[in-house]
């Protein structure tokens, strides 16, 4: 029997896609918001397509703030966009 692939919804485009095609945005227990490319960081997570367009849509609709139950500043959005362009999560 083949392994079941988890499906998640992108906060930007609202499309359902396999989890491994999306990037996880995570709010750590300390309240820090970052991108989790491996999906292993502890904390509350939400998912985005790896495109700047989906990040912009999620920012405009405040979807990330609702999903993570936290205020997200413009500096955090800028850092998320930079991390997305760089394509790596740092310590991830």
PDB file of N, CA and C in Angstrom:
ATOM      1  N   UNK A   1       0.840  -1.183   0.000  1.00  0.00           N
ATOM      2  CA  UNK A   1       0.000   0.000   0.000  1.00  0.00           C
ATOM      3  C   UNK A   1       0.888   1.249   0.000  1.00  0.00           C
ATOM      4  N   UNK A   2       0.664   2.167  -0.950  1.00  0.00           N
ATOM      5  CA  UNK A   2       1.511   3.370  -1.008  1.00  0.00           C
ATOM      6  C   UNK A   2       1.270   4.283   0.196  1.00  0.00           C
ATOM      7  N   UNK A   3       2.332   5.012   0.553  1.00  0.00           N
ATOM      8  CA  UNK A   3       2.258   5.930   1.694  1.00  0.00           C
ATOM      9  C   UNK A   3       1.356   7.113   1.338  1.00  0.00           C
ATOM     10  N   UNK A   4       0.490   7.493   2.265  1.00  0.00           N
ATOM     11  CA  UNK A   4      -0.416   8.611   2.044  1.00  0.00           C
ATOM     12  C   UNK A   4       0.360   9.924   2.124  1.00  0.00           C
ATOM     13  N   UNK A   5       0.145  10.795   1.155  1.00  0.00           N
ATOM     14  CA  UNK A   5       0.816  12.095   1.123  1.00  0.00           C
ATOM     15  C   UNK A   5      -0.116  13.128   1.744  1.00  0.00           C
ATOM     16  N   UNK A   6       0.335  13.825   2.807  1.00  0.00           N
ATOM     17  CA  UNK A   6      -0.529  14.830   3.428  1.00  0.00           C
ATOM     18  C   UNK A   6      -0.769  16.017   2.504  1.00  0.00           C
ATOM     19  N   UNK A   7      -1.984  16.543   2.532  1.00  0.00           N
ATOM     20  CA  UNK A   7      -2.375  17.683   1.708  1.00  0.00           C
ATOM     21  C   UNK A   7      -2.588  18.881   2.633  1.00  0.00           C
ATOM     22  N   UNK A   8      -2.072  20.045   2.219  1.00  0.00           N
ATOM     23  CA  UNK A   8      -2.246  21.278   2.985  1.00  0.00           C
ATOM     24  C   UNK A   8      -2.745  22.373   2.041  1.00  0.00           C
ATOM     25  N   UNK A   9      -3.356  23.413   2.623  1.00  0.00           N
ATOM     26  CA  UNK A   9      -3.882  24.513   1.837  1.00  0.00           C
ATOM     27  C   UNK A   9      -2.954  25.720   1.937  1.00  0.00           C
ATOM     28  N   UNK A  10      -2.644  26.311   0.793  1.00  0.00           N
ATOM     29  CA  UNK A  10      -1.822  27.525   0.757  1.00  0.00           C
ATOM     30  C   UNK A  10      -2.653  28.702   1.268  1.00  0.00           C
ATOM     31  N   UNK A  11      -2.051  29.534   2.118  1.00  0.00           N
ATOM     32  CA  UNK A  11      -2.749  30.706   2.645  1.00  0.00           C
ATOM     33  C   UNK A  11      -2.946  31.786   1.590  1.00  0.00           C
ATOM     34  N   UNK A  12      -2.118  31.787   0.555  1.00  0.00           N
ATOM     35  CA  UNK A  12      -2.209  32.819  -0.479  1.00  0.00           C
ATOM     36  C   UNK A  12      -3.237  32.499  -1.541  1.00  0.00           C
ATOM     37  N   UNK A  13      -2.998  31.424  -2.288  1.00  0.00           N
ATOM     38  CA  UNK A  13      -3.877  31.081  -3.411  1.00  0.00           C
ATOM     39  C   UNK A  13      -5.031  30.176  -3.008  1.00  0.00           C
ATOM     40  N   UNK A  14      -4.997  29.642  -1.787  1.00  0.00           N
ATOM     41  CA  UNK A  14      -6.042  28.791  -1.231  1.00  0.00           C
ATOM     42  C   UNK A  14      -6.168  27.445  -1.940  1.00  0.00           C
ATOM     43  N   UNK A  15      -5.149  27.048  -2.702  1.00  0.00           N
ATOM     44  CA  UNK A  15      -5.158  25.746  -3.384  1.00  0.00           C
ATOM     45  C   UNK A  15      -4.641  24.671  -2.447  1.00  0.00           C
ATOM     46  N   UNK A  16      -5.200  23.472  -2.576  1.00  0.00           N
ATOM     47  CA  UNK A  16      -4.735  22.323  -1.809  1.00  0.00           C
ATOM     48  C   UNK A  16      -3.628  21.637  -2.598  1.00  0.00           C
ATOM     49  N   UNK A  17      -2.479  21.426  -1.952  1.00  0.00           N
ATOM     50  CA  UNK A  17      -1.321  20.822  -2.599  1.00  0.00           C
ATOM     51  C   UNK A  17      -0.651  19.859  -1.629  1.00  0.00           C
ATOM     52  N   UNK A  18       0.166  18.942  -2.155  1.00  0.00           N
ATOM     53  CA  UNK A  18       0.931  18.069  -1.253  1.00  0.00           C
ATOM     54  C   UNK A  18       1.822  18.899  -0.338  1.00  0.00           C
ATOM     55  N   UNK A  19       1.938  18.472   0.902  1.00  0.00           N
ATOM     56  CA  UNK A  19       2.691  19.209   1.925  1.00  0.00           C
ATOM     57  C   UNK A  19       4.128  19.496   1.500  1.00  0.00           C
ATOM     58  N   UNK A  20       4.761  18.549   0.791  1.00  0.00           N
ATOM     59  CA  UNK A  20       6.169  18.737   0.426  1.00  0.00           C
ATOM     60  C   UNK A  20       6.372  19.782  -0.670  1.00  0.00           C
ATOM     61  N   UNK A  21       5.302  20.280  -1.306  1.00  0.00           N
ATOM     62  CA  UNK A  21       5.415  21.328  -2.315  1.00  0.00           C
ATOM     63  C   UNK A  21       5.257  22.725  -1.708  1.00  0.00           C
ATOM     64  N   UNK A  22       4.899  22.792  -0.431  1.00  0.00           N
ATOM     65  CA  UNK A  22       4.637  24.073   0.221  1.00  0.00           C
ATOM     66  C   UNK A  22       5.718  24.396   1.247  1.00  0.00           C
ATOM     67  N   UNK A  23       5.804  25.670   1.624  1.00  0.00           N
ATOM     68  CA  UNK A  23       6.732  26.120   2.658  1.00  0.00           C
ATOM     69  C   UNK A  23       5.916  26.401   3.909  1.00  0.00           C
ATOM     70  N   UNK A  24       6.418  25.954   5.043  1.00  0.00           N
ATOM     71  CA  UNK A  24       5.727  26.155   6.317  1.00  0.00           C
ATOM     72  C   UNK A  24       6.185  27.462   6.950  1.00  0.00           C
ATOM     73  N   UNK A  25       5.222  28.276   7.335  1.00  0.00           N
ATOM     74  CA  UNK A  25       5.492  29.477   8.123  1.00  0.00           C
ATOM     75  C   UNK A  25       5.184  29.088   9.554  1.00  0.00           C
ATOM     76  N   UNK A  26       6.131  29.276  10.452  1.00  0.00           N
ATOM     77  CA  UNK A  26       5.962  28.786  11.818  1.00  0.00           C
ATOM     78  C   UNK A  26       6.104  29.906  12.845  1.00  0.00           C
ATOM     79  N   UNK A  27       5.229  29.871  13.859  1.00  0.00           N
ATOM     80  CA  UNK A  27       5.360  30.753  15.016  1.00  0.00           C
ATOM     81  C   UNK A  27       5.902  29.896  16.146  1.00  0.00           C
ATOM     82  N   UNK A  28       7.120  30.184  16.559  1.00  0.00           N
ATOM     83  CA  UNK A  28       7.770  29.386  17.609  1.00  0.00           C
ATOM     84  C   UNK A  28       7.094  29.641  18.952  1.00  0.00           C
ATOM     85  N   UNK A  29       7.332  28.777  19.927  1.00  0.00           N
ATOM     86  CA  UNK A  29       6.777  29.011  21.267  1.00  0.00           C
ATOM     87  C   UNK A  29       7.203  30.359  21.861  1.00  0.00           C
ATOM     88  N   UNK A  30       8.335  30.908  21.408  1.00  0.00           N
ATOM     89  CA  UNK A  30       8.801  32.218  21.877  1.00  0.00           C
ATOM     90  C   UNK A  30       8.106  33.359  21.144  1.00  0.00           C
ATOM     91  N   UNK A  31       7.346  33.065  20.089  1.00  0.00           N
ATOM     92  CA  UNK A  31       6.629  34.085  19.339  1.00  0.00           C
ATOM     93  C   UNK A  31       7.328  34.549  18.073  1.00  0.00           C
ATOM     94  N   UNK A  32       8.475  33.983  17.751  1.00  0.00           N
ATOM     95  CA  UNK A  32       9.223  34.361  16.553  1.00  0.00           C
ATOM     96  C   UNK A  32       8.596  33.700  15.327  1.00  0.00           C
ATOM     97  N   UNK A  33       8.443  34.461  14.240  1.00  0.00           N
ATOM     98  CA  UNK A  33       7.856  33.932  13.017  1.00  0.00           C
ATOM     99  C   UNK A  33       8.951  33.779  11.976  1.00  0.00           C
ATOM    100  N   UNK A  34       9.018  32.592  11.354  1.00  0.00           N
ATOM    101  CA  UNK A  34      10.038  32.329  10.344  1.00  0.00           C
ATOM    102  C   UNK A  34       9.531  31.278   9.370  1.00  0.00           C
ATOM    103  N   UNK A  35      10.317  31.043   8.323  1.00  0.00           N
ATOM    104  CA  UNK A  35       9.995  29.991   7.364  1.00  0.00           C
ATOM    105  C   UNK A  35      10.683  28.704   7.784  1.00  0.00           C
ATOM    106  N   UNK A  36       9.981  27.603   7.594  1.00  0.00           N
ATOM    107  CA  UNK A  36      10.496  26.287   7.959  1.00  0.00           C
ATOM    108  C   UNK A  36      10.480  25.433   6.693  1.00  0.00           C
ATOM    109  N   UNK A  37      11.619  25.314   6.030  1.00  0.00           N
ATOM    110  CA  UNK A  37      11.683  24.597   4.757  1.00  0.00           C
ATOM    111  C   UNK A  37      11.615  23.089   4.930  1.00  0.00           C
ATOM    112  N   UNK A  38      11.999  22.584   6.101  1.00  0.00           N
ATOM    113  CA  UNK A  38      11.974  21.142   6.333  1.00  0.00           C
ATOM    114  C   UNK A  38      10.704  20.665   7.029  1.00  0.00           C
ATOM    115  N   UNK A  39       9.943  21.584   7.610  1.00  0.00           N
ATOM    116  CA  UNK A  39       8.709  21.209   8.293  1.00  0.00           C
ATOM    117  C   UNK A  39       8.919  20.557   9.638  1.00  0.00           C
ATOM    118  N   UNK A  40      10.052  20.826  10.290  1.00  0.00           N
ATOM    119  CA  UNK A  40      10.394  20.161  11.546  1.00  0.00           C
ATOM    120  C   UNK A  40      10.455  21.085  12.758  1.00  0.00           C
ATOM    121  N   UNK A  41      10.435  22.408  12.548  1.00  0.00           N
ATOM    122  CA  UNK A  41      10.558  23.328  13.678  1.00  0.00           C
ATOM    123  C   UNK A  41       9.330  23.224  14.578  1.00  0.00           C
ATOM    124  N   UNK A  42       9.530  23.378  15.890  1.00  0.00           N
ATOM    125  CA  UNK A  42       8.382  23.330  16.796  1.00  0.00           C
ATOM    126  C   UNK A  42       7.574  24.625  16.715  1.00  0.00           C
ATOM    127  N   UNK A  43       6.283  24.517  16.924  1.00  0.00           N
ATOM    128  CA  UNK A  43       5.427  25.693  16.944  1.00  0.00           C
ATOM    129  C   UNK A  43       4.241  25.540  16.022  1.00  0.00           C
ATOM    130  N   UNK A  44       3.425  26.561  15.997  1.00  0.00           N
ATOM    131  CA  UNK A  44       2.219  26.566  15.174  1.00  0.00           C
ATOM    132  C   UNK A  44       2.600  26.887  13.740  1.00  0.00           C
ATOM    133  N   UNK A  45       2.090  26.120  12.793  1.00  0.00           N
ATOM    134  CA  UNK A  45       2.474  26.294  11.405  1.00  0.00           C
ATOM    135  C   UNK A  45       1.315  26.583  10.479  1.00  0.00           C
ATOM    136  N   UNK A  46       1.640  27.214   9.372  1.00  0.00           N
ATOM    137  CA  UNK A  46       0.721  27.470   8.269  1.00  0.00           C
ATOM    138  C   UNK A  46       1.538  27.309   6.996  1.00  0.00           C
ATOM    139  N   UNK A  47       0.882  27.137   5.869  1.00  0.00           N
ATOM    140  CA  UNK A  47       1.599  26.785   4.649  1.00  0.00           C
ATOM    141  C   UNK A  47       1.378  27.798   3.537  1.00  0.00           C
ATOM    142  N   UNK A  48       2.438  27.993   2.725  1.00  0.00           N
ATOM    143  CA  UNK A  48       2.420  28.893   1.575  1.00  0.00           C
ATOM    144  C   UNK A  48       3.113  28.226   0.395  1.00  0.00           C
ATOM    145  N   UNK A  49       2.639  28.550  -0.817  1.00  0.00           N
ATOM    146  CA  UNK A  49       3.373  28.147  -2.015  1.00  0.00           C
ATOM    147  C   UNK A  49       4.704  28.910  -2.011  1.00  0.00           C
ATOM    148  N   UNK A  50       5.735  28.347  -2.614  1.00  0.00           N
ATOM    149  CA  UNK A  50       7.044  29.031  -2.602  1.00  0.00           C
ATOM    150  C   UNK A  50       7.145  30.157  -3.629  1.00  0.00           C
ATOM    151  N   UNK A  51       6.130  31.006  -3.704  1.00  0.00           N
ATOM    152  CA  UNK A  51       6.139  32.125  -4.646  1.00  0.00           C
ATOM    153  C   UNK A  51       5.882  33.430  -3.906  1.00  0.00           C
ATOM    154  N   UNK A  52       6.446  34.496  -4.426  1.00  0.00           N
ATOM    155  CA  UNK A  52       6.242  35.812  -3.827  1.00  0.00           C
ATOM    156  C   UNK A  52       4.789  36.250  -3.966  1.00  0.00           C
ATOM    157  N   UNK A  53       4.108  35.811  -5.022  1.00  0.00           N
ATOM    158  CA  UNK A  53       2.707  36.191  -5.234  1.00  0.00           C
ATOM    159  C   UNK A  53       1.813  35.659  -4.115  1.00  0.00           C
ATOM    160  N   UNK A  54       2.031  34.420  -3.706  1.00  0.00           N
ATOM    161  CA  UNK A  54       1.225  33.846  -2.627  1.00  0.00           C
ATOM    162  C   UNK A  54       1.519  34.531  -1.302  1.00  0.00           C
ATOM    163  N   UNK A  55       2.775  34.884  -1.066  1.00  0.00           N
ATOM    164  CA  UNK A  55       3.127  35.613   0.154  1.00  0.00           C
ATOM    165  C   UNK A  55       2.439  36.975   0.161  1.00  0.00           C
ATOM    166  N   UNK A  56       2.418  37.655  -0.981  1.00  0.00           N
ATOM    167  CA  UNK A  56       1.771  38.966  -1.072  1.00  0.00           C
ATOM    168  C   UNK A  56       0.264  38.857  -0.843  1.00  0.00           C
ATOM    169  N   UNK A  57      -0.368  37.827  -1.403  1.00  0.00           N
ATOM    170  CA  UNK A  57      -1.810  37.627  -1.189  1.00  0.00           C
ATOM    171  C   UNK A  57      -2.107  37.346   0.276  1.00  0.00           C
ATOM    172  N   UNK A  58      -1.289  36.506   0.900  1.00  0.00           N
ATOM    173  CA  UNK A  58      -1.486  36.177   2.309  1.00  0.00           C
ATOM    174  C   UNK A  58      -1.278  37.408   3.186  1.00  0.00           C
ATOM    175  N   UNK A  59      -0.329  38.266   2.804  1.00  0.00           N
ATOM    176  CA  UNK A  59      -0.078  39.493   3.562  1.00  0.00           C
ATOM    177  C   UNK A  59      -1.262  40.444   3.429  1.00  0.00           C
ATOM    178  N   UNK A  60      -1.771  40.599   2.219  1.00  0.00           N
ATOM    179  CA  UNK A  60      -2.879  41.523   1.975  1.00  0.00           C
ATOM    180  C   UNK A  60      -4.142  41.101   2.721  1.00  0.00           C
ATOM    181  N   UNK A  61      -4.416  39.793   2.753  1.00  0.00           N
ATOM    182  CA  UNK A  61      -5.629  39.300   3.407  1.00  0.00           C
ATOM    183  C   UNK A  61      -5.424  39.020   4.897  1.00  0.00           C
ATOM    184  N   UNK A  62      -4.201  39.231   5.388  1.00  0.00           N
ATOM    185  CA  UNK A  62      -3.836  38.976   6.789  1.00  0.00           C
ATOM    186  C   UNK A  62      -4.052  37.513   7.171  1.00  0.00           C
ATOM    187  N   UNK A  63      -3.915  36.620   6.214  1.00  0.00           N
ATOM    188  CA  UNK A  63      -4.147  35.197   6.440  1.00  0.00           C
ATOM    189  C   UNK A  63      -3.115  34.590   7.391  1.00  0.00           C
ATOM    190  N   UNK A  64      -1.867  35.041   7.292  1.00  0.00           N
ATOM    191  CA  UNK A  64      -0.824  34.497   8.168  1.00  0.00           C
ATOM    192  C   UNK A  64      -1.118  34.885   9.615  1.00  0.00           C
ATOM    193  N   UNK A  65      -1.536  36.121   9.824  1.00  0.00           N
ATOM    194  CA  UNK A  65      -1.851  36.570  11.177  1.00  0.00           C
ATOM    195  C   UNK A  65      -2.992  35.754  11.771  1.00  0.00           C
ATOM    196  N   UNK A  66      -4.022  35.490  10.987  1.00  0.00           N
ATOM    197  CA  UNK A  66      -5.153  34.696  11.483  1.00  0.00           C
ATOM    198  C   UNK A  66      -4.740  33.256  11.755  1.00  0.00           C
ATOM    199  N   UNK A  67      -3.962  32.685  10.856  1.00  0.00           N
ATOM    200  CA  UNK A  67      -3.574  31.281  10.997  1.00  0.00           C
ATOM    201  C   UNK A  67      -2.654  31.055  12.197  1.00  0.00           C
ATOM    202  N   UNK A  68      -1.774  32.013  12.461  1.00  0.00           N
ATOM    203  CA  UNK A  68      -0.807  31.847  13.544  1.00  0.00           C
ATOM    204  C   UNK A  68      -1.241  32.520  14.843  1.00  0.00           C
ATOM    205  N   UNK A  69      -2.380  33.193  14.829  1.00  0.00           N
ATOM    206  CA  UNK A  69      -2.882  33.909  16.002  1.00  0.00           C
ATOM    207  C   UNK A  69      -1.825  34.843  16.581  1.00  0.00           C
ATOM    208  N   UNK A  70      -1.195  35.625  15.697  1.00  0.00           N
ATOM    209  CA  UNK A  70      -0.140  36.552  16.123  1.00  0.00           C
ATOM    210  C   UNK A  70      -0.093  37.743  15.176  1.00  0.00           C
ATOM    211  N   UNK A  71       0.322  38.895  15.710  1.00  0.00           N
ATOM    212  CA  UNK A  71       0.532  40.065  14.876  1.00  0.00           C
ATOM    213  C   UNK A  71       1.821  39.882  14.084  1.00  0.00           C
ATOM    214  N   UNK A  72       1.779  40.240  12.806  1.00  0.00           N
ATOM    215  CA  UNK A  72       2.958  40.110  11.949  1.00  0.00           C
ATOM    216  C   UNK A  72       3.316  41.499  11.423  1.00  0.00           C
ATOM    217  N   UNK A  73       4.519  41.973  11.759  1.00  0.00           N
ATOM    218  CA  UNK A  73       4.941  43.313  11.351  1.00  0.00           C
ATOM    219  C   UNK A  73       5.461  43.307   9.916  1.00  0.00           C
ATOM    220  N   UNK A  74       5.596  44.504   9.351  1.00  0.00           N
ATOM    221  CA  UNK A  74       6.127  44.644   7.996  1.00  0.00           C
ATOM    222  C   UNK A  74       7.553  44.125   7.909  1.00  0.00           C
ATOM    223  N   UNK A  75       8.330  44.290   8.977  1.00  0.00           N
ATOM    224  CA  UNK A  75       9.703  43.789   8.994  1.00  0.00           C
ATOM    225  C   UNK A  75       9.725  42.265   8.868  1.00  0.00           C
ATOM    226  N   UNK A  76       8.766  41.609   9.527  1.00  0.00           N
ATOM    227  CA  UNK A  76       8.697  40.146   9.454  1.00  0.00           C
ATOM    228  C   UNK A  76       8.336  39.712   8.037  1.00  0.00           C
ATOM    229  N   UNK A  77       7.379  40.414   7.407  1.00  0.00           N
ATOM    230  CA  UNK A  77       7.022  40.078   6.024  1.00  0.00           C
ATOM    231  C   UNK A  77       8.222  40.259   5.089  1.00  0.00           C
ATOM    232  N   UNK A  78       8.989  41.330   5.303  1.00  0.00           N
ATOM    233  CA  UNK A  78      10.176  41.560   4.482  1.00  0.00           C
ATOM    234  C   UNK A  78      11.194  40.442   4.691  1.00  0.00           C
ATOM    235  N   UNK A  79      11.361  40.009   5.941  1.00  0.00           N
ATOM    236  CA  UNK A  79      12.293  38.918   6.230  1.00  0.00           C
ATOM    237  C   UNK A  79      11.808  37.608   5.614  1.00  0.00           C
ATOM    238  N   UNK A  80      10.502  37.361   5.656  1.00  0.00           N
ATOM    239  CA  UNK A  80       9.955  36.149   5.042  1.00  0.00           C
ATOM    240  C   UNK A  80      10.191  36.158   3.528  1.00  0.00           C
ATOM    241  N   UNK A  81       9.982  37.311   2.904  1.00  0.00           N
ATOM    242  CA  UNK A  81      10.212  37.422   1.462  1.00  0.00           C
ATOM    243  C   UNK A  81      11.685  37.173   1.135  1.00  0.00           C
ATOM    244  N   UNK A  82      12.589  37.703   1.962  1.00  0.00           N
ATOM    245  CA  UNK A  82      14.022  37.504   1.736  1.00  0.00           C
ATOM    246  C   UNK A  82      14.406  36.044   1.920  1.00  0.00           C
ATOM    247  N   UNK A  83      13.863  35.397   2.969  1.00  0.00           N
ATOM    248  CA  UNK A  83      14.135  33.977   3.196  1.00  0.00           C
ATOM    249  C   UNK A  83      13.620  33.144   2.024  1.00  0.00           C
ATOM    250  N   UNK A  84      12.452  33.523   1.490  1.00  0.00           N
ATOM    251  CA  UNK A  84      11.863  32.784   0.384  1.00  0.00           C
ATOM    252  C   UNK A  84      12.755  32.913  -0.860  1.00  0.00           C
ATOM    253  N   UNK A  85      13.269  34.127  -1.098  1.00  0.00           N
ATOM    254  CA  UNK A  85      14.171  34.333  -2.244  1.00  0.00           C
ATOM    255  C   UNK A  85      15.470  33.541  -2.056  1.00  0.00           C
ATOM    256  N   UNK A  86      15.983  33.525  -0.844  1.00  0.00           N
ATOM    257  CA  UNK A  86      17.234  32.813  -0.567  1.00  0.00           C
ATOM    258  C   UNK A  86      17.037  31.303  -0.675  1.00  0.00           C
ATOM    259  N   UNK A  87      15.847  30.842  -0.295  1.00  0.00           N
ATOM    260  CA  UNK A  87      15.532  29.423  -0.451  1.00  0.00           C
ATOM    261  C   UNK A  87      16.061  28.499   0.624  1.00  0.00           C
ATOM    262  N   UNK A  88      16.508  29.054   1.750  1.00  0.00           N
ATOM    263  CA  UNK A  88      16.931  28.183   2.839  1.00  0.00           C
ATOM    264  C   UNK A  88      16.494  28.785   4.154  1.00  0.00           C
ATOM    265  N   UNK A  89      16.277  27.919   5.134  1.00  0.00           N
ATOM    266  CA  UNK A  89      15.755  28.363   6.421  1.00  0.00           C
ATOM    267  C   UNK A  89      16.821  28.664   7.450  1.00  0.00           C
ATOM    268  N   UNK A  90      18.069  28.735   7.063  1.00  0.00           N
ATOM    269  CA  UNK A  90      19.111  29.025   8.046  1.00  0.00           C
ATOM    270  C   UNK A  90      19.395  27.803   8.911  1.00  0.00           C
ATOM    271  N   UNK A  91      18.938  27.823  10.161  1.00  0.00           N
ATOM    272  CA  UNK A  91      19.196  26.708  11.071  1.00  0.00           C
ATOM    273  C   UNK A  91      18.277  25.525  10.848  1.00  0.00           C
ATOM    274  N   UNK A  92      17.138  25.727  10.163  1.00  0.00           N
ATOM    275  CA  UNK A  92      16.081  24.778   9.878  1.00  0.00           C
ATOM    276  C   UNK A  92      16.386  23.401  10.103  1.00  0.00           C
TER     277      UNK A  92
END
